Amino acid sequence: MEHDRAKRPAPETHYVHPDPVTDAALDWFVRLQASPEDAAVSDDFARWRNQSPNHAEAFAKLTQIWTSPEIELATQRLAQRSVHPLPIRRRSPPRRRWTRSITAIAAAALIAIGLQWVPALIIQRQADYMTATGDRQQVILPDGSRMTLNTASAVALRFSNGERSVRLLQGEAFFDVVPDATHPFTVAGRFAEVGVKGTAFSVRTDDQQDVVVLARGSVEVARLPDRAETARLEPGYSVSASATALSGASHIDIASSLAWLDGRIVFNDRPLRQVLDEVKRYYPRPVLIADRRIGDVTVSGSYRLANPEGTIRSLAMAAGATVTRIPGGLLILR
């Protein structure tokens, strides 16, 4: 098969790259890091790599990132930190396996950081405004409308000759639009375009979908690229668009959905895995769950986003988990 995955389970990373070939290469990289002397693993990997030039190219790219000076230094520190706290019983297989496992998980995380470098540079060249991870920014647009960018977000603007349009390149933004019946205000994400004449709403985009939340007024949402599917929202409702469909409108808790505008994140009885997916948007390094059972524990709370690491540690404590901090800021829950 073109995108064959490792036959035996790799250490749990909970990181999935959007490109299946790169994701499979990451799995193989972790397996090789965790079992460097396993001939069967090496043979299986060789078969996978030889199946397609794309496989070999993807793995070569990961290897190049892995051997960069920054990541090499981080893994040297990781190895020192991982073995230092262990007792003198160095021949204990379980502890040795855990050290290798945590090293392999961190290896995948470090590579994931490297895989984000090039896309970030491309977006940076396109963006008129861009926020770093954990930051928010308020902007007065040329027509007087107000825009608030959430963490790790970027937009490109087009305001000329009566046109009022924003392209959301990544992340999330809230818009409080100055009314102008003759000049509609539009925001386009990856999968949807929002048209308004004067209202307040947010748009969030990622690799899977665009989500629109309406706080005031009314908006029309059209699924891209053909705009054949449309939906009109009322305040307190949300709609999502993907590459294949436009969802129906669903009622939401506006205060929770837009709590980020006040620097908070609010959730109630949600699996820790889902909550961490949200909190990780505000933390500049990967956060990994080494035990999938931890991710299924439900948690609730309202937390300030100014200290995302503190929030992650509090969530881990509530779920009965411990947090290991790797040099460079990587967090592993187990």
C-alpha atoms as a PDB file:
ATOM      1  CA  MET A   1       0.000   0.000   0.000  1.00  0.00           C
ATOM      2  CA  GLU A   2       1.172   3.507  -0.797  1.00  0.00           C
ATOM      3  CA  HIS A   3       0.823   4.823   2.752  1.00  0.00           C
ATOM      4  CA  ASP A   4       1.568   1.682   4.754  1.00  0.00           C
ATOM      5  CA  ARG A   5       1.953   2.419   8.449  1.00  0.00           C
ATOM      6  CA  ALA A   6       4.193   0.583  10.890  1.00  0.00           C
ATOM      7  CA  LYS A   7       2.819  -2.904  11.549  1.00  0.00           C
ATOM      8  CA  ARG A   8       3.382  -2.738  15.295  1.00  0.00           C
ATOM      9  CA  PRO A   9       2.184   0.197  17.389  1.00  0.00           C
ATOM     10  CA  ALA A  10       4.625   3.046  17.775  1.00  0.00           C
ATOM     11  CA  PRO A  11       4.918   5.032  21.008  1.00  0.00           C
ATOM     12  CA  GLU A  12       1.785   7.131  21.480  1.00  0.00           C
ATOM     13  CA  THR A  13       2.412  10.685  20.248  1.00  0.00           C
ATOM     14  CA  HIS A  14      -1.092  12.001  19.432  1.00  0.00           C
ATOM     15  CA  TYR A  15       0.497  14.068  16.660  1.00  0.00           C
ATOM     16  CA  VAL A  16      -0.932  13.453  13.197  1.00  0.00           C
ATOM     17  CA  HIS A  17       0.640  15.206  10.247  1.00  0.00           C
ATOM     18  CA  PRO A  18      -1.866  16.202   7.528  1.00  0.00           C
ATOM     19  CA  ASP A  19       0.244  14.513   4.832  1.00  0.00           C
ATOM     20  CA  PRO A  20      -0.165  10.723   5.257  1.00  0.00           C
ATOM     21  CA  VAL A  21       3.268   9.926   3.783  1.00  0.00           C
ATOM     22  CA  THR A  22       4.993  12.310   6.204  1.00  0.00           C
ATOM     23  CA  ASP A  23       2.874  10.959   9.045  1.00  0.00           C
ATOM     24  CA  ALA A  24       3.914   7.389   8.177  1.00  0.00           C
ATOM     25  CA  ALA A  25       7.549   8.509   8.006  1.00  0.00           C
ATOM     26  CA  LEU A  26       7.185  10.007  11.497  1.00  0.00           C
ATOM     27  CA  ASP A  27       5.862   6.685  12.778  1.00  0.00           C
ATOM     28  CA  TRP A  28       8.833   4.844  11.305  1.00  0.00           C
ATOM     29  CA  PHE A  29      11.247   7.413  12.725  1.00  0.00           C
ATOM     30  CA  VAL A  30       9.817   6.925  16.224  1.00  0.00           C
ATOM     31  CA  ARG A  31       9.991   3.127  15.911  1.00  0.00           C
ATOM     32  CA  LEU A  32      13.616   3.240  14.787  1.00  0.00           C
ATOM     33  CA  GLN A  33      14.493   5.593  17.650  1.00  0.00           C
ATOM     34  CA  ALA A  34      12.749   3.328  20.165  1.00  0.00           C
ATOM     35  CA  SER A  35      14.191   0.041  18.790  1.00  0.00           C
ATOM     36  CA  PRO A  36      17.536   0.812  17.146  1.00  0.00           C
ATOM     37  CA  GLU A  37      18.804  -2.784  17.493  1.00  0.00           C
ATOM     38  CA  ASP A  38      15.648  -4.570  16.333  1.00  0.00           C
ATOM     39  CA  ALA A  39      16.466  -6.238  12.997  1.00  0.00           C
ATOM     40  CA  ALA A  40      12.786  -6.909  12.251  1.00  0.00           C
ATOM     41  CA  VAL A  41      11.951  -3.220  12.624  1.00  0.00           C
ATOM     42  CA  SER A  42      14.841  -2.281  10.334  1.00  0.00           C
ATOM     43  CA  ASP A  43      13.724  -4.807   7.710  1.00  0.00           C
ATOM     44  CA  ASP A  44      10.101  -3.631   7.842  1.00  0.00           C
ATOM     45  CA  PHE A  45      11.239  -0.035   7.531  1.00  0.00           C
ATOM     46  CA  ALA A  46      13.444  -0.835   4.520  1.00  0.00           C
ATOM     47  CA  ARG A  47      10.484  -2.460   2.760  1.00  0.00           C
ATOM     48  CA  TRP A  48       8.292   0.568   3.430  1.00  0.00           C
ATOM     49  CA  ARG A  49      10.959   3.018   2.274  1.00  0.00           C
ATOM     50  CA  ASN A  50      11.524   1.089  -0.966  1.00  0.00           C
ATOM     51  CA  GLN A  51       7.830   0.975  -1.837  1.00  0.00           C
ATOM     52  CA  SER A  52       7.869   4.505  -3.253  1.00  0.00           C
ATOM     53  CA  PRO A  53      10.288   7.383  -3.912  1.00  0.00           C
ATOM     54  CA  ASN A  54       7.859   9.533  -1.896  1.00  0.00           C
ATOM     55  CA  HIS A  55       8.516   7.362   1.154  1.00  0.00           C
ATOM     56  CA  ALA A  56      12.279   7.746   0.838  1.00  0.00           C
ATOM     57  CA  GLU A  57      11.985  11.496   0.245  1.00  0.00           C
ATOM     58  CA  ALA A  58       9.726  12.034   3.274  1.00  0.00           C
ATOM     59  CA  PHE A  59      12.044  10.093   5.576  1.00  0.00           C
ATOM     60  CA  ALA A  60      15.094  11.924   4.215  1.00  0.00           C
ATOM     61  CA  LYS A  61      13.414  15.237   5.015  1.00  0.00           C
ATOM     62  CA  LEU A  62      12.778  14.144   8.600  1.00  0.00           C
ATOM     63  CA  THR A  63      16.376  12.985   8.938  1.00  0.00           C
ATOM     64  CA  GLN A  64      17.602  16.353   7.688  1.00  0.00           C
ATOM     65  CA  ILE A  65      15.467  18.167  10.258  1.00  0.00           C
ATOM     66  CA  TRP A  66      16.582  15.759  12.986  1.00  0.00           C
ATOM     67  CA  THR A  67      20.258  16.447  12.305  1.00  0.00           C
ATOM     68  CA  SER A  68      19.878  20.237  12.446  1.00  0.00           C
ATOM     69  CA  PRO A  69      22.071  21.802  15.196  1.00  0.00           C
ATOM     70  CA  GLU A  70      19.092  23.077  17.230  1.00  0.00           C
ATOM     71  CA  ILE A  71      17.326  19.732  17.453  1.00  0.00           C
ATOM     72  CA  GLU A  72      20.576  17.812  17.963  1.00  0.00           C
ATOM     73  CA  LEU A  73      21.359  19.993  20.994  1.00  0.00           C
ATOM     74  CA  ALA A  74      17.835  19.549  22.369  1.00  0.00           C
ATOM     75  CA  THR A  75      18.019  15.757  22.129  1.00  0.00           C
ATOM     76  CA  GLN A  76      21.427  15.677  23.812  1.00  0.00           C
ATOM     77  CA  ARG A  77      19.880  17.546  26.742  1.00  0.00           C
ATOM     78  CA  LEU A  78      16.874  15.243  26.608  1.00  0.00           C
ATOM     79  CA  ALA A  79      19.060  12.147  26.938  1.00  0.00           C
ATOM     80  CA  GLN A  80      20.883  13.638  29.927  1.00  0.00           C
ATOM     81  CA  ARG A  81      17.614  14.613  31.602  1.00  0.00           C
ATOM     82  CA  SER A  82      15.941  11.263  30.893  1.00  0.00           C
ATOM     83  CA  VAL A  83      18.601   9.028  32.442  1.00  0.00           C
ATOM     84  CA  HIS A  84      19.668  11.244  35.337  1.00  0.00           C
ATOM     85  CA  PRO A  85      16.779  10.540  37.761  1.00  0.00           C
ATOM     86  CA  LEU A  86      16.901   6.735  37.300  1.00  0.00           C
ATOM     87  CA  PRO A  87      18.176   4.504  40.138  1.00  0.00           C
ATOM     88  CA  ILE A  88      21.432   2.571  39.916  1.00  0.00           C
ATOM     89  CA  ARG A  89      19.639  -0.550  38.575  1.00  0.00           C
ATOM     90  CA  ARG A  90      20.571   0.346  35.007  1.00  0.00           C
ATOM     91  CA  ARG A  91      19.935  -3.142  33.653  1.00  0.00           C
ATOM     92  CA  SER A  92      16.223  -2.988  34.393  1.00  0.00           C
ATOM     93  CA  PRO A  93      14.509  -3.471  31.000  1.00  0.00           C
ATOM     94  CA  PRO A  94      11.260  -1.625  31.885  1.00  0.00           C
ATOM     95  CA  ARG A  95      13.094   1.541  32.850  1.00  0.00           C
ATOM     96  CA  ARG A  96      15.364   1.364  29.833  1.00  0.00           C
ATOM     97  CA  ARG A  97      12.333   0.944  27.586  1.00  0.00           C
ATOM     98  CA  TRP A  98      10.661   3.956  29.212  1.00  0.00           C
ATOM     99  CA  THR A  99      13.729   6.110  28.651  1.00  0.00           C
ATOM    100  CA  ARG A 100      13.791   5.099  24.999  1.00  0.00           C
ATOM    101  CA  SER A 101      10.058   5.611  24.702  1.00  0.00           C
ATOM    102  CA  ILE A 102      10.114   9.120  26.098  1.00  0.00           C
ATOM    103  CA  THR A 103      13.108   9.957  23.906  1.00  0.00           C
ATOM    104  CA  ALA A 104      11.280   8.671  20.839  1.00  0.00           C
ATOM    105  CA  ILE A 105       8.138  10.626  21.692  1.00  0.00           C
ATOM    106  CA  ALA A 106      10.158  13.803  22.152  1.00  0.00           C
ATOM    107  CA  ALA A 107      11.959  13.079  18.876  1.00  0.00           C
ATOM    108  CA  ALA A 108       8.643  13.082  17.049  1.00  0.00           C
ATOM    109  CA  ALA A 109       7.693  16.319  18.781  1.00  0.00           C
ATOM    110  CA  LEU A 110      10.938  18.024  17.837  1.00  0.00           C
ATOM    111  CA  ILE A 111      10.526  16.952  14.225  1.00  0.00           C
ATOM    112  CA  ALA A 112       6.959  18.222  14.263  1.00  0.00           C
ATOM    113  CA  ILE A 113       8.355  21.647  15.159  1.00  0.00           C
ATOM    114  CA  GLY A 114      10.747  21.463  12.217  1.00  0.00           C
ATOM    115  CA  LEU A 115       7.961  20.480   9.827  1.00  0.00           C
ATOM    116  CA  GLN A 116       6.174  23.719  10.706  1.00  0.00           C
ATOM    117  CA  TRP A 117       9.069  26.019   9.790  1.00  0.00           C
ATOM    118  CA  VAL A 118       8.560  26.209   6.027  1.00  0.00           C
ATOM    119  CA  PRO A 119       4.745  26.702   6.077  1.00  0.00           C
ATOM    120  CA  ALA A 120       5.176  29.435   8.700  1.00  0.00           C
ATOM    121  CA  LEU A 121       7.638  31.288   6.482  1.00  0.00           C
ATOM    122  CA  ILE A 122       5.230  31.115   3.536  1.00  0.00           C
ATOM    123  CA  ILE A 123       2.353  32.503   5.606  1.00  0.00           C
ATOM    124  CA  GLN A 124       4.585  35.223   7.015  1.00  0.00           C
ATOM    125  CA  ARG A 125       5.285  36.479   3.500  1.00  0.00           C
ATOM    126  CA  GLN A 126       1.559  36.628   2.691  1.00  0.00           C
ATOM    127  CA  ALA A 127       0.244  38.136   5.915  1.00  0.00           C
ATOM    128  CA  ASP A 128      -0.487  41.776   6.680  1.00  0.00           C
ATOM    129  CA  TYR A 129      -0.974  40.949  10.356  1.00  0.00           C
ATOM    130  CA  MET A 130       0.277  37.901  12.248  1.00  0.00           C
ATOM    131  CA  THR A 131       0.362  36.837  15.898  1.00  0.00           C
ATOM    132  CA  ALA A 132       2.810  34.545  17.636  1.00  0.00           C
ATOM    133  CA  THR A 133       1.723  31.539  19.684  1.00  0.00           C
ATOM    134  CA  GLY A 134       0.073  32.749  22.881  1.00  0.00           C
ATOM    135  CA  ASP A 135      -0.415  36.336  21.691  1.00  0.00           C
ATOM    136  CA  ARG A 136      -3.515  38.328  20.758  1.00  0.00           C
ATOM    137  CA  GLN A 137      -3.662  41.533  18.740  1.00  0.00           C
ATOM    138  CA  GLN A 138      -6.363  44.145  18.176  1.00  0.00           C
ATOM    139  CA  VAL A 139      -6.353  45.995  14.858  1.00  0.00           C
ATOM    140  CA  ILE A 140      -8.409  48.907  13.532  1.00  0.00           C
ATOM    141  CA  LEU A 141      -9.049  48.095   9.875  1.00  0.00           C
ATOM    142  CA  PRO A 142      -9.028  50.786   7.148  1.00  0.00           C
ATOM    143  CA  ASP A 143     -12.851  51.072   7.207  1.00  0.00           C
ATOM    144  CA  GLY A 144     -12.945  51.499  10.993  1.00  0.00           C
ATOM    145  CA  SER A 145     -13.977  47.904  11.745  1.00  0.00           C
ATOM    146  CA  ARG A 146     -12.207  46.189  14.638  1.00  0.00           C
ATOM    147  CA  MET A 147     -10.380  42.889  14.294  1.00  0.00           C
ATOM    148  CA  THR A 148      -8.927  40.797  17.125  1.00  0.00           C
ATOM    149  CA  LEU A 149      -6.452  38.082  16.171  1.00  0.00           C
ATOM    150  CA  ASN A 150      -6.180  35.051  18.422  1.00  0.00           C
ATOM    151  CA  THR A 151      -3.047  32.989  19.018  1.00  0.00           C
ATOM    152  CA  ALA A 152      -0.887  31.934  16.035  1.00  0.00           C
ATOM    153  CA  SER A 153      -3.164  33.664  13.530  1.00  0.00           C
ATOM    154  CA  ALA A 154      -2.531  35.519  10.274  1.00  0.00           C
ATOM    155  CA  VAL A 155      -4.613  37.571   7.849  1.00  0.00           C
ATOM    156  CA  ALA A 156      -4.178  39.264   4.486  1.00  0.00           C
ATOM    157  CA  LEU A 157      -6.248  42.403   3.792  1.00  0.00           C
ATOM    158  CA  ARG A 158      -7.768  43.926   0.689  1.00  0.00           C
ATOM    159  CA  PHE A 159      -9.327  47.340   1.321  1.00  0.00           C
ATOM    160  CA  SER A 160      -9.432  49.475  -1.824  1.00  0.00           C
ATOM    161  CA  ASN A 161     -12.001  50.903  -4.245  1.00  0.00           C
ATOM    162  CA  GLY A 162     -14.824  50.083  -1.864  1.00  0.00           C
ATOM    163  CA  GLU A 163     -13.754  46.478  -1.335  1.00  0.00           C
ATOM    164  CA  ARG A 164     -13.633  45.229   2.255  1.00  0.00           C
ATOM    165  CA  SER A 165     -12.197  41.727   2.373  1.00  0.00           C
ATOM    166  CA  VAL A 166     -10.016  39.706   4.725  1.00  0.00           C
ATOM    167  CA  ARG A 167      -8.370  36.369   4.032  1.00  0.00           C
ATOM    168  CA  LEU A 168      -7.781  34.297   7.167  1.00  0.00           C
ATOM    169  CA  LEU A 169      -4.547  32.443   6.422  1.00  0.00           C
ATOM    170  CA  GLN A 170      -4.412  30.568   9.724  1.00  0.00           C
ATOM    171  CA  GLY A 171      -5.834  30.630  13.205  1.00  0.00           C
ATOM    172  CA  GLU A 172      -8.800  32.611  14.463  1.00  0.00           C
ATOM    173  CA  ALA A 173     -10.073  36.185  14.363  1.00  0.00           C
ATOM    174  CA  PHE A 174     -13.032  38.142  15.723  1.00  0.00           C
ATOM    175  CA  PHE A 175     -14.545  40.968  13.693  1.00  0.00           C
ATOM    176  CA  ASP A 176     -16.730  43.861  14.862  1.00  0.00           C
ATOM    177  CA  VAL A 177     -17.770  45.310  11.519  1.00  0.00           C
ATOM    178  CA  VAL A 178     -18.768  48.906  10.787  1.00  0.00           C
ATOM    179  CA  PRO A 179     -22.148  48.856   8.949  1.00  0.00           C
ATOM    180  CA  ASP A 180     -22.026  49.781   5.255  1.00  0.00           C
ATOM    181  CA  ALA A 181     -24.941  48.530   3.145  1.00  0.00           C
ATOM    182  CA  THR A 182     -23.232  49.375  -0.134  1.00  0.00           C
ATOM    183  CA  HIS A 183     -19.917  47.698   0.631  1.00  0.00           C
ATOM    184  CA  PRO A 184     -20.225  44.152   2.059  1.00  0.00           C
ATOM    185  CA  PHE A 185     -17.495  42.915   4.380  1.00  0.00           C
ATOM    186  CA  THR A 186     -16.162  39.432   3.592  1.00  0.00           C
ATOM    187  CA  VAL A 187     -13.850  37.022   5.387  1.00  0.00           C
ATOM    188  CA  ALA A 188     -12.555  33.933   3.569  1.00  0.00           C
ATOM    189  CA  GLY A 189     -10.931  30.932   5.226  1.00  0.00           C
ATOM    190  CA  ARG A 190      -9.837  27.657   3.637  1.00  0.00           C
ATOM    191  CA  PHE A 191     -13.341  26.254   3.177  1.00  0.00           C
ATOM    192  CA  ALA A 192     -15.836  29.085   3.686  1.00  0.00           C
ATOM    193  CA  GLU A 193     -16.530  32.724   2.943  1.00  0.00           C
ATOM    194  CA  VAL A 194     -18.506  34.908   5.343  1.00  0.00           C
ATOM    195  CA  GLY A 195     -20.415  37.921   4.029  1.00  0.00           C
ATOM    196  CA  VAL A 196     -21.780  40.667   6.297  1.00  0.00           C
ATOM    197  CA  LYS A 197     -22.827  44.310   6.179  1.00  0.00           C
ATOM    198  CA  GLY A 198     -22.387  45.111   9.857  1.00  0.00           C
ATOM    199  CA  THR A 199     -22.137  42.590  12.664  1.00  0.00           C
ATOM    200  CA  ALA A 200     -19.824  40.837  15.146  1.00  0.00           C
ATOM    201  CA  PHE A 201     -18.551  37.312  14.534  1.00  0.00           C
ATOM    202  CA  SER A 202     -15.509  35.042  14.672  1.00  0.00           C
ATOM    203  CA  VAL A 203     -13.927  32.732  12.119  1.00  0.00           C
ATOM    204  CA  ARG A 204     -11.497  29.935  12.893  1.00  0.00           C
ATOM    205  CA  THR A 205      -9.665  27.940  10.229  1.00  0.00           C
ATOM    206  CA  ASP A 206      -7.487  24.835  10.270  1.00  0.00           C
ATOM    207  CA  ASP A 207      -6.598  21.966   7.949  1.00  0.00           C
ATOM    208  CA  GLN A 208      -9.965  20.266   8.450  1.00  0.00           C
ATOM    209  CA  GLN A 209     -12.628  22.970   8.624  1.00  0.00           C
ATOM    210  CA  ASP A 210     -13.656  26.586   9.087  1.00  0.00           C
ATOM    211  CA  VAL A 211     -15.917  27.430  12.039  1.00  0.00           C
ATOM    212  CA  VAL A 212     -18.025  30.608  12.153  1.00  0.00           C
ATOM    213  CA  VAL A 213     -19.549  31.889  15.419  1.00  0.00           C
ATOM    214  CA  LEU A 214     -22.050  34.762  15.362  1.00  0.00           C
ATOM    215  CA  ALA A 215     -22.234  37.112  18.347  1.00  0.00           C
ATOM    216  CA  ARG A 216     -24.413  39.906  16.923  1.00  0.00           C
ATOM    217  CA  GLY A 217     -26.327  40.727  13.743  1.00  0.00           C
ATOM    218  CA  SER A 218     -26.489  38.241  10.881  1.00  0.00           C
ATOM    219  CA  VAL A 219     -24.057  36.636   8.464  1.00  0.00           C
ATOM    220  CA  GLU A 220     -24.252  34.478   5.371  1.00  0.00           C
ATOM    221  CA  VAL A 221     -21.746  31.637   5.131  1.00  0.00           C
ATOM    222  CA  ALA A 222     -20.940  30.045   1.766  1.00  0.00           C
ATOM    223  CA  ARG A 223     -18.826  26.938   1.278  1.00  0.00           C
ATOM    224  CA  LEU A 224     -15.880  27.416  -1.063  1.00  0.00           C
ATOM    225  CA  PRO A 225     -14.939  27.162  -3.828  1.00  0.00           C
ATOM    226  CA  ASP A 226     -18.279  27.265  -5.704  1.00  0.00           C
ATOM    227  CA  ARG A 227     -20.441  28.921  -2.980  1.00  0.00           C
ATOM    228  CA  ALA A 228     -23.287  26.558  -3.917  1.00  0.00           C
ATOM    229  CA  GLU A 229     -24.017  25.725  -0.263  1.00  0.00           C
ATOM    230  CA  THR A 230     -24.979  28.627   1.986  1.00  0.00           C
ATOM    231  CA  ALA A 231     -26.297  29.166   5.500  1.00  0.00           C
ATOM    232  CA  ARG A 232     -27.585  32.238   7.328  1.00  0.00           C
ATOM    233  CA  LEU A 233     -26.793  32.479  11.022  1.00  0.00           C
ATOM    234  CA  GLU A 234     -28.563  34.089  13.960  1.00  0.00           C
ATOM    235  CA  PRO A 235     -26.737  35.295  17.086  1.00  0.00           C
ATOM    236  CA  GLY A 236     -25.688  32.454  19.363  1.00  0.00           C
ATOM    237  CA  TYR A 237     -25.283  29.970  16.530  1.00  0.00           C
ATOM    238  CA  SER A 238     -22.307  28.422  14.773  1.00  0.00           C
ATOM    239  CA  VAL A 239     -21.698  26.664  11.471  1.00  0.00           C
ATOM    240  CA  SER A 240     -18.712  24.770  10.083  1.00  0.00           C
ATOM    241  CA  ALA A 241     -17.515  24.153   6.538  1.00  0.00           C
ATOM    242  CA  SER A 242     -15.148  21.458   5.314  1.00  0.00           C
ATOM    243  CA  ALA A 243     -13.882  20.320   1.928  1.00  0.00           C
ATOM    244  CA  THR A 244     -17.016  18.201   1.488  1.00  0.00           C
ATOM    245  CA  ALA A 245     -19.921  19.826   3.332  1.00  0.00           C
ATOM    246  CA  LEU A 246     -21.467  22.802   5.103  1.00  0.00           C
ATOM    247  CA  SER A 247     -22.957  21.827   8.450  1.00  0.00           C
ATOM    248  CA  GLY A 248     -26.301  22.885   9.803  1.00  0.00           C
ATOM    249  CA  ALA A 249     -26.414  25.750  12.289  1.00  0.00           C
ATOM    250  CA  SER A 250     -25.941  24.671  15.905  1.00  0.00           C
ATOM    251  CA  HIS A 251     -26.697  26.592  19.099  1.00  0.00           C
ATOM    252  CA  ILE A 252     -23.637  27.333  21.215  1.00  0.00           C
ATOM    253  CA  ASP A 253     -22.611  29.056  24.443  1.00  0.00           C
ATOM    254  CA  ILE A 254     -21.267  32.369  23.145  1.00  0.00           C
ATOM    255  CA  ALA A 255     -19.530  33.200  26.430  1.00  0.00           C
ATOM    256  CA  SER A 256     -17.520  29.967  26.290  1.00  0.00           C
ATOM    257  CA  SER A 257     -16.858  30.055  22.541  1.00  0.00           C
ATOM    258  CA  LEU A 258     -15.536  33.617  22.662  1.00  0.00           C
ATOM    259  CA  ALA A 259     -13.916  33.484  26.114  1.00  0.00           C
ATOM    260  CA  TRP A 260     -10.525  33.809  24.401  1.00  0.00           C
ATOM    261  CA  LEU A 261     -11.331  37.488  23.749  1.00  0.00           C
ATOM    262  CA  ASP A 262     -11.039  37.980  27.518  1.00  0.00           C
ATOM    263  CA  GLY A 263      -7.946  35.786  27.762  1.00  0.00           C
ATOM    264  CA  ARG A 264      -9.721  32.710  29.097  1.00  0.00           C
ATOM    265  CA  ILE A 265     -10.588  29.178  28.010  1.00  0.00           C
ATOM    266  CA  VAL A 266     -13.774  27.554  29.341  1.00  0.00           C
ATOM    267  CA  PHE A 267     -14.901  23.929  29.043  1.00  0.00           C
ATOM    268  CA  ASN A 268     -17.286  21.537  30.787  1.00  0.00           C
ATOM    269  CA  ASP A 269     -17.038  17.725  30.976  1.00  0.00           C
ATOM    270  CA  ARG A 270     -14.807  17.325  27.958  1.00  0.00           C
ATOM    271  CA  PRO A 271     -12.113  14.657  27.441  1.00  0.00           C
ATOM    272  CA  LEU A 272      -8.667  15.877  28.430  1.00  0.00           C
ATOM    273  CA  ARG A 273      -7.422  15.103  24.921  1.00  0.00           C
ATOM    274  CA  GLN A 274      -9.896  17.580  23.391  1.00  0.00           C
ATOM    275  CA  VAL A 275      -9.155  20.238  26.001  1.00  0.00           C
ATOM    276  CA  LEU A 276      -5.411  19.910  25.426  1.00  0.00           C
ATOM    277  CA  ASP A 277      -5.973  20.334  21.695  1.00  0.00           C
ATOM    278  CA  GLU A 278      -7.369  23.780  22.545  1.00  0.00           C
ATOM    279  CA  VAL A 279      -4.800  24.740  25.171  1.00  0.00           C
ATOM    280  CA  LYS A 280      -1.912  23.629  22.931  1.00  0.00           C
ATOM    281  CA  ARG A 281      -2.801  26.441  20.528  1.00  0.00           C
ATOM    282  CA  TYR A 282      -1.479  28.857  23.161  1.00  0.00           C
ATOM    283  CA  TYR A 283       1.662  26.918  24.095  1.00  0.00           C
ATOM    284  CA  PRO A 284       4.685  27.298  21.772  1.00  0.00           C
ATOM    285  CA  ARG A 285       5.917  23.687  22.063  1.00  0.00           C
ATOM    286  CA  PRO A 286       4.242  20.297  21.542  1.00  0.00           C
ATOM    287  CA  VAL A 287       2.269  18.717  24.363  1.00  0.00           C
ATOM    288  CA  LEU A 288       2.111  14.927  24.155  1.00  0.00           C
ATOM    289  CA  ILE A 289       0.056  12.269  25.940  1.00  0.00           C
ATOM    290  CA  ALA A 290       2.100   9.123  26.551  1.00  0.00           C
ATOM    291  CA  ASP A 291      -0.854   7.125  27.928  1.00  0.00           C
ATOM    292  CA  ARG A 292      -4.051   7.204  25.863  1.00  0.00           C
ATOM    293  CA  ARG A 293      -6.180   6.417  28.957  1.00  0.00           C
ATOM    294  CA  ILE A 294      -5.289   9.827  30.378  1.00  0.00           C
ATOM    295  CA  GLY A 295      -6.718  11.526  27.305  1.00  0.00           C
ATOM    296  CA  ASP A 296     -10.145   9.984  27.947  1.00  0.00           C
ATOM    297  CA  VAL A 297     -10.532  11.505  31.435  1.00  0.00           C
ATOM    298  CA  THR A 298     -13.170  14.283  31.442  1.00  0.00           C
ATOM    299  CA  VAL A 299     -12.301  17.673  32.931  1.00  0.00           C
ATOM    300  CA  SER A 300     -14.017  21.027  33.484  1.00  0.00           C
ATOM    301  CA  GLY A 301     -12.835  24.514  34.299  1.00  0.00           C
ATOM    302  CA  SER A 302     -12.127  28.110  33.381  1.00  0.00           C
ATOM    303  CA  TYR A 303      -8.471  29.065  33.011  1.00  0.00           C
ATOM    304  CA  ARG A 304      -6.440  32.126  32.131  1.00  0.00           C
ATOM    305  CA  LEU A 305      -4.549  31.764  28.863  1.00  0.00           C
ATOM    306  CA  ALA A 306      -1.688  33.958  30.050  1.00  0.00           C
ATOM    307  CA  ASN A 307      -0.055  30.884  31.642  1.00  0.00           C
ATOM    308  CA  PRO A 308      -0.741  27.928  29.311  1.00  0.00           C
ATOM    309  CA  GLU A 309       1.896  25.705  30.926  1.00  0.00           C
ATOM    310  CA  GLY A 310       0.304  26.252  34.314  1.00  0.00           C
ATOM    311  CA  THR A 311      -3.075  25.410  32.790  1.00  0.00           C
ATOM    312  CA  ILE A 312      -1.683  22.187  31.309  1.00  0.00           C
ATOM    313  CA  ARG A 313      -0.181  21.176  34.651  1.00  0.00           C
ATOM    314  CA  SER A 314      -3.465  21.891  36.451  1.00  0.00           C
ATOM    315  CA  LEU A 315      -5.372  19.811  33.901  1.00  0.00           C
ATOM    316  CA  ALA A 316      -2.880  16.975  34.261  1.00  0.00           C
ATOM    317  CA  MET A 317      -3.278  17.032  38.027  1.00  0.00           C
ATOM    318  CA  ALA A 318      -7.075  16.941  37.690  1.00  0.00           C
ATOM    319  CA  ALA A 319      -6.742  13.902  35.401  1.00  0.00           C
ATOM    320  CA  GLY A 320      -4.345  12.109  37.760  1.00  0.00           C
ATOM    321  CA  ALA A 321      -1.390  12.528  35.399  1.00  0.00           C
ATOM    322  CA  THR A 322       2.164  13.774  35.841  1.00  0.00           C
ATOM    323  CA  VAL A 323       3.993  16.176  33.540  1.00  0.00           C
ATOM    324  CA  THR A 324       7.574  15.772  32.332  1.00  0.00           C
ATOM    325  CA  ARG A 325       9.137  18.960  30.958  1.00  0.00           C
ATOM    326  CA  ILE A 326      11.842  18.382  28.369  1.00  0.00           C
ATOM    327  CA  PRO A 327      14.558  21.039  27.788  1.00  0.00           C
ATOM    328  CA  GLY A 328      13.141  23.450  25.243  1.00  0.00           C
ATOM    329  CA  GLY A 329       9.636  23.319  26.706  1.00  0.00           C
ATOM    330  CA  LEU A 330       8.201  20.020  25.433  1.00  0.00           C
ATOM    331  CA  LEU A 331       5.591  18.647  27.851  1.00  0.00           C
ATOM    332  CA  ILE A 332       4.779  14.935  28.141  1.00  0.00           C
ATOM    333  CA  LEU A 333       1.784  13.752  30.181  1.00  0.00           C
ATOM    334  CA  ARG A 334       1.815  10.208  31.575  1.00  0.00           C
END
